[in-house]
Amino acid sequence: MLETQHRGVRVVYLVGPRARPGSWLPRSMSRWNDVAALRWIAPQIALSHVYLCGPDAWMEAAARAADAAGAQHVHAEQFAW
């Protein structure tokens, strides 16, 4: 997991092969379940805006986890290859 922070905005990069089918987590975080990992990465997720950008299956998994973790504001940017 790579992370940068600038002017109050925190960006977490989750790169590499997925932990398992249907998961948004990278393999390096495979011991976590999707919702617990999201709450650890973003403890105030219910008060935050979540921005998703990536392949459809990844975004669907991440959006499900964000919803289950209590996120109220999820924004998605879809693109095609």
C-alpha atoms as a PDB file:
ATOM      1  CA  MET A   1       0.000   0.000   0.000  1.00  0.00           C
ATOM      2  CA  LEU A   2       1.408   3.364  -1.034  1.00  0.00           C
ATOM      3  CA  GLU A   3       0.087   6.607   0.387  1.00  0.00           C
ATOM      4  CA  THR A   4       0.556  10.323  -0.226  1.00  0.00           C
ATOM      5  CA  GLN A   5      -0.925  13.294   1.553  1.00  0.00           C
ATOM      6  CA  HIS A   6      -1.040  16.896   0.365  1.00  0.00           C
ATOM      7  CA  ARG A   7      -3.160  19.839   1.518  1.00  0.00           C
ATOM      8  CA  GLY A   8      -5.494  17.691   3.571  1.00  0.00           C
ATOM      9  CA  VAL A   9      -6.147  15.173   0.801  1.00  0.00           C
ATOM     10  CA  ARG A  10      -4.974  11.618   1.353  1.00  0.00           C
ATOM     11  CA  VAL A  11      -4.492   9.282  -1.598  1.00  0.00           C
ATOM     12  CA  VAL A  12      -3.966   5.568  -1.052  1.00  0.00           C
ATOM     13  CA  TYR A  13      -2.653   3.529  -3.977  1.00  0.00           C
ATOM     14  CA  LEU A  14      -3.553  -0.162  -3.970  1.00  0.00           C
ATOM     15  CA  VAL A  15      -1.589  -1.685  -6.801  1.00  0.00           C
ATOM     16  CA  GLY A  16      -0.888  -5.186  -7.962  1.00  0.00           C
ATOM     17  CA  PRO A  17      -2.867  -8.380  -8.352  1.00  0.00           C
ATOM     18  CA  ARG A  18      -6.049  -8.699  -6.293  1.00  0.00           C
ATOM     19  CA  ALA A  19      -6.144 -10.644  -3.031  1.00  0.00           C
ATOM     20  CA  ARG A  20      -8.912 -12.909  -4.304  1.00  0.00           C
ATOM     21  CA  PRO A  21     -11.701 -12.832  -6.910  1.00  0.00           C
ATOM     22  CA  GLY A  22     -14.301 -10.157  -6.113  1.00  0.00           C
ATOM     23  CA  SER A  23     -11.987  -8.229  -3.777  1.00  0.00           C
ATOM     24  CA  TRP A  24     -10.719  -4.684  -4.246  1.00  0.00           C
ATOM     25  CA  LEU A  25      -7.707  -5.364  -2.017  1.00  0.00           C
ATOM     26  CA  PRO A  26      -4.225  -6.038  -3.365  1.00  0.00           C
ATOM     27  CA  ARG A  27      -2.646  -9.418  -2.655  1.00  0.00           C
ATOM     28  CA  SER A  28      -0.377  -7.806  -0.045  1.00  0.00           C
ATOM     29  CA  MET A  29      -3.485  -7.226   2.100  1.00  0.00           C
ATOM     30  CA  SER A  30      -5.075 -10.655   1.557  1.00  0.00           C
ATOM     31  CA  ARG A  31      -5.347 -11.373   5.293  1.00  0.00           C
ATOM     32  CA  TRP A  32      -7.966  -8.589   5.588  1.00  0.00           C
ATOM     33  CA  ASN A  33     -11.603  -8.695   4.575  1.00  0.00           C
ATOM     34  CA  ASP A  34     -12.684  -5.841   2.310  1.00  0.00           C
ATOM     35  CA  VAL A  35     -14.750  -3.854   4.827  1.00  0.00           C
ATOM     36  CA  ALA A  36     -12.293  -4.180   7.732  1.00  0.00           C
ATOM     37  CA  ALA A  37      -9.426  -3.058   5.479  1.00  0.00           C
ATOM     38  CA  LEU A  38     -11.379  -0.040   4.290  1.00  0.00           C
ATOM     39  CA  ARG A  39     -12.214   0.985   7.853  1.00  0.00           C
ATOM     40  CA  TRP A  40      -8.520   0.645   8.763  1.00  0.00           C
ATOM     41  CA  ILE A  41      -7.359   2.671   5.754  1.00  0.00           C
ATOM     42  CA  ALA A  42     -10.080   5.311   6.236  1.00  0.00           C
ATOM     43  CA  PRO A  43     -11.281   5.307   9.871  1.00  0.00           C
ATOM     44  CA  GLN A  44     -13.588   8.281   9.241  1.00  0.00           C
ATOM     45  CA  ILE A  45     -15.094   6.884   6.059  1.00  0.00           C
ATOM     46  CA  ALA A  46     -18.649   7.772   7.123  1.00  0.00           C
ATOM     47  CA  LEU A  47     -17.626  11.456   7.170  1.00  0.00           C
ATOM     48  CA  SER A  48     -15.523  11.358   4.005  1.00  0.00           C
ATOM     49  CA  HIS A  49     -16.023  11.496   0.267  1.00  0.00           C
ATOM     50  CA  VAL A  50     -14.771   8.338  -1.437  1.00  0.00           C
ATOM     51  CA  TYR A  51     -13.498   8.650  -5.010  1.00  0.00           C
ATOM     52  CA  LEU A  52     -13.137   5.488  -7.075  1.00  0.00           C
ATOM     53  CA  CYS A  53     -11.451   5.102 -10.429  1.00  0.00           C
ATOM     54  CA  GLY A  54     -10.445   1.801 -11.952  1.00  0.00           C
ATOM     55  CA  PRO A  55     -11.701  -1.259 -13.782  1.00  0.00           C
ATOM     56  CA  ASP A  56     -15.422  -2.033 -13.413  1.00  0.00           C
ATOM     57  CA  ALA A  57     -15.053  -5.190 -11.283  1.00  0.00           C
ATOM     58  CA  TRP A  58     -12.633  -3.435  -8.907  1.00  0.00           C
ATOM     59  CA  MET A  59     -14.890  -0.383  -8.588  1.00  0.00           C
ATOM     60  CA  GLU A  60     -17.938  -2.557  -7.903  1.00  0.00           C
ATOM     61  CA  ALA A  61     -16.084  -4.405  -5.121  1.00  0.00           C
ATOM     62  CA  ALA A  62     -14.759  -1.148  -3.648  1.00  0.00           C
ATOM     63  CA  ALA A  63     -18.202   0.499  -3.794  1.00  0.00           C
ATOM     64  CA  ARG A  64     -19.783  -2.496  -2.003  1.00  0.00           C
ATOM     65  CA  ALA A  65     -17.132  -2.287   0.729  1.00  0.00           C
ATOM     66  CA  ALA A  66     -17.564   1.500   1.044  1.00  0.00           C
ATOM     67  CA  ASP A  67     -21.327   1.102   1.402  1.00  0.00           C
ATOM     68  CA  ALA A  68     -20.921  -1.655   4.021  1.00  0.00           C
ATOM     69  CA  ALA A  69     -18.378   0.511   5.893  1.00  0.00           C
ATOM     70  CA  GLY A  70     -20.883   3.375   6.162  1.00  0.00           C
ATOM     71  CA  ALA A  71     -19.708   5.740   3.406  1.00  0.00           C
ATOM     72  CA  GLN A  72     -22.356   8.311   2.520  1.00  0.00           C
ATOM     73  CA  HIS A  73     -20.570   9.947  -0.435  1.00  0.00           C
ATOM     74  CA  VAL A  74     -19.128   7.610  -3.062  1.00  0.00           C
ATOM     75  CA  HIS A  75     -18.041   9.079  -6.398  1.00  0.00           C
ATOM     76  CA  ALA A  76     -17.071   6.851  -9.313  1.00  0.00           C
ATOM     77  CA  GLU A  77     -15.296   7.673 -12.547  1.00  0.00           C
ATOM     78  CA  GLN A  78     -15.702   4.985 -15.154  1.00  0.00           C
ATOM     79  CA  PHE A  79     -13.469   4.640 -18.172  1.00  0.00           C
ATOM     80  CA  ALA A  80     -12.924   2.227 -21.001  1.00  0.00           C
ATOM     81  CA  TRP A  81      -9.699   0.699 -22.243  1.00  0.00           C
END
